Amino acid sequence: MAHKITDACISCGACAAQCPVEAITEGDSQYVINEDLCVDCGSCAATCPNEAIVAE
């Protein structure tokens, strides 16, 4: 089960810096998680200051 970044994302980039497999990239209006690369470690969700990352 991959994680998903919700509309609460403020594009701070904290999650991308913490992703050990580089599954998070900057999208058009917010950061996005590549579900094929995500290993569901949860480090992005733990780092997000807006609690904008949830498990799908």
N, C-alpha and C. Protein backbone atom coordinates (compact mmCIF):
# COMPACT_ATOMS: atom_id res chain seq x y z
N MET A 1 0.85 -1.18 0.00
CA MET A 1 0.00 0.00 0.00
C MET A 1 0.89 1.23 0.00
N ALA A 2 0.77 2.07 -1.00
CA ALA A 2 1.56 3.28 -1.10
C ALA A 2 0.91 4.41 -0.32
N HIS A 3 1.67 5.46 -0.09
CA HIS A 3 1.14 6.65 0.55
C HIS A 3 0.70 7.63 -0.54
N LYS A 4 -0.14 8.57 -0.17
CA LYS A 4 -0.66 9.58 -1.10
C LYS A 4 -0.56 10.95 -0.46
N ILE A 5 -0.23 11.93 -1.27
CA ILE A 5 -0.17 13.31 -0.80
C ILE A 5 -1.50 13.98 -1.12
N THR A 6 -2.13 14.54 -0.10
CA THR A 6 -3.45 15.15 -0.26
C THR A 6 -3.34 16.63 -0.66
N ASP A 7 -4.49 17.26 -0.84
CA ASP A 7 -4.53 18.68 -1.21
C ASP A 7 -4.03 19.59 -0.10
N ALA A 8 -3.78 19.06 1.09
CA ALA A 8 -3.25 19.87 2.18
C ALA A 8 -1.76 20.17 2.00
N CYS A 9 -1.15 19.59 0.97
CA CYS A 9 0.28 19.80 0.69
C CYS A 9 0.56 21.28 0.42
N ILE A 10 1.60 21.81 1.08
CA ILE A 10 2.00 23.20 0.88
C ILE A 10 3.29 23.30 0.06
N SER A 11 3.72 22.18 -0.53
CA SER A 11 4.91 22.11 -1.40
C SER A 11 6.18 22.57 -0.71
N CYS A 12 6.35 22.16 0.54
CA CYS A 12 7.56 22.56 1.27
C CYS A 12 8.76 21.67 0.92
N GLY A 13 8.50 20.45 0.45
CA GLY A 13 9.58 19.56 0.04
C GLY A 13 10.18 18.72 1.15
N ALA A 14 9.69 18.85 2.35
CA ALA A 14 10.25 18.09 3.47
C ALA A 14 10.13 16.59 3.24
N CYS A 15 9.03 16.16 2.65
CA CYS A 15 8.80 14.73 2.40
C CYS A 15 9.80 14.18 1.39
N ALA A 16 10.05 14.92 0.34
CA ALA A 16 10.97 14.45 -0.71
C ALA A 16 12.37 14.25 -0.17
N ALA A 17 12.78 15.12 0.72
CA ALA A 17 14.11 15.01 1.31
C ALA A 17 14.25 13.77 2.19
N GLN A 18 13.15 13.29 2.74
CA GLN A 18 13.19 12.13 3.64
C GLN A 18 12.95 10.80 2.95
N CYS A 19 12.50 10.79 1.71
CA CYS A 19 12.18 9.54 1.02
C CYS A 19 13.45 8.77 0.66
N PRO A 20 13.60 7.54 1.21
CA PRO A 20 14.83 6.77 0.96
C PRO A 20 14.92 6.19 -0.45
N VAL A 21 13.81 6.15 -1.17
CA VAL A 21 13.83 5.58 -2.53
C VAL A 21 13.53 6.63 -3.60
N GLU A 22 13.53 7.89 -3.23
CA GLU A 22 13.30 9.01 -4.14
C GLU A 22 12.01 8.85 -4.95
N ALA A 23 10.93 8.44 -4.26
CA ALA A 23 9.64 8.24 -4.91
C ALA A 23 8.81 9.51 -4.95
N ILE A 24 9.28 10.59 -4.32
CA ILE A 24 8.51 11.83 -4.25
C ILE A 24 9.17 12.90 -5.10
N THR A 25 8.36 13.50 -5.98
CA THR A 25 8.86 14.56 -6.85
C THR A 25 7.88 15.73 -6.82
N GLU A 26 8.37 16.87 -7.28
CA GLU A 26 7.54 18.07 -7.32
C GLU A 26 6.63 18.01 -8.53
N GLY A 27 5.32 18.09 -8.30
CA GLY A 27 4.35 18.11 -9.38
C GLY A 27 4.00 19.53 -9.77
N ASP A 28 2.94 19.68 -10.53
CA ASP A 28 2.53 21.01 -11.00
C ASP A 28 2.09 21.92 -9.85
N SER A 29 1.24 21.40 -8.96
CA SER A 29 0.73 22.24 -7.89
C SER A 29 1.12 21.75 -6.50
N GLN A 30 1.67 20.53 -6.41
CA GLN A 30 2.10 19.97 -5.12
C GLN A 30 3.01 18.78 -5.39
N TYR A 31 3.61 18.26 -4.37
CA TYR A 31 4.46 17.09 -4.52
C TYR A 31 3.60 15.85 -4.76
N VAL A 32 4.17 14.86 -5.45
CA VAL A 32 3.46 13.62 -5.76
C VAL A 32 4.35 12.43 -5.43
N ILE A 33 3.71 11.30 -5.11
CA ILE A 33 4.42 10.06 -4.80
C ILE A 33 4.21 9.07 -5.94
N ASN A 34 5.30 8.54 -6.46
CA ASN A 34 5.24 7.51 -7.47
C ASN A 34 4.92 6.19 -6.77
N GLU A 35 3.71 5.68 -6.97
CA GLU A 35 3.27 4.47 -6.28
C GLU A 35 4.11 3.25 -6.62
N ASP A 36 4.69 3.22 -7.80
CA ASP A 36 5.52 2.09 -8.20
C ASP A 36 6.84 2.05 -7.44
N LEU A 37 7.32 3.20 -6.99
CA LEU A 37 8.59 3.27 -6.26
C LEU A 37 8.42 3.25 -4.75
N CYS A 38 7.27 3.69 -4.27
CA CYS A 38 7.02 3.80 -2.83
C CYS A 38 7.12 2.44 -2.15
N VAL A 39 7.89 2.37 -1.06
CA VAL A 39 8.04 1.13 -0.29
C VAL A 39 7.25 1.17 1.01
N ASP A 40 6.40 2.16 1.15
CA ASP A 40 5.48 2.28 2.28
C ASP A 40 6.20 2.33 3.63
N CYS A 41 7.30 3.03 3.68
CA CYS A 41 8.06 3.12 4.93
C CYS A 41 7.46 4.13 5.91
N GLY A 42 6.74 5.13 5.38
CA GLY A 42 6.08 6.12 6.22
C GLY A 42 6.94 7.29 6.66
N SER A 43 8.19 7.34 6.22
CA SER A 43 9.05 8.45 6.66
C SER A 43 8.55 9.79 6.13
N CYS A 44 7.92 9.80 4.98
CA CYS A 44 7.38 11.04 4.43
C CYS A 44 6.23 11.56 5.29
N ALA A 45 5.34 10.66 5.68
CA ALA A 45 4.19 11.05 6.50
C ALA A 45 4.63 11.57 7.86
N ALA A 46 5.65 10.97 8.41
CA ALA A 46 6.15 11.39 9.72
C ALA A 46 6.81 12.77 9.65
N THR A 47 7.31 13.13 8.47
CA THR A 47 8.03 14.39 8.30
C THR A 47 7.11 15.55 7.91
N CYS A 48 5.99 15.27 7.29
CA CYS A 48 5.12 16.31 6.76
C CYS A 48 4.58 17.21 7.88
N PRO A 49 4.85 18.53 7.79
CA PRO A 49 4.37 19.45 8.83
C PRO A 49 2.87 19.71 8.75
N ASN A 50 2.24 19.36 7.64
CA ASN A 50 0.80 19.62 7.44
C ASN A 50 -0.04 18.36 7.53
N GLU A 51 0.58 17.24 7.83
CA GLU A 51 -0.11 15.95 7.86
C GLU A 51 -0.88 15.72 6.56
N ALA A 52 -0.22 16.05 5.44
CA ALA A 52 -0.84 15.95 4.13
C ALA A 52 -0.60 14.62 3.45
N ILE A 53 0.10 13.70 4.12
CA ILE A 53 0.41 12.40 3.52
C ILE A 53 -0.32 11.31 4.29
N VAL A 54 -1.08 10.51 3.54
CA VAL A 54 -1.87 9.45 4.16
C VAL A 54 -1.59 8.12 3.43
N ALA A 55 -1.80 7.02 4.15
CA ALA A 55 -1.68 5.70 3.55
C ALA A 55 -2.94 5.42 2.76
N GLU A 56 -2.78 4.88 1.57
CA GLU A 56 -3.95 4.55 0.74
C GLU A 56 -4.51 3.21 1.11
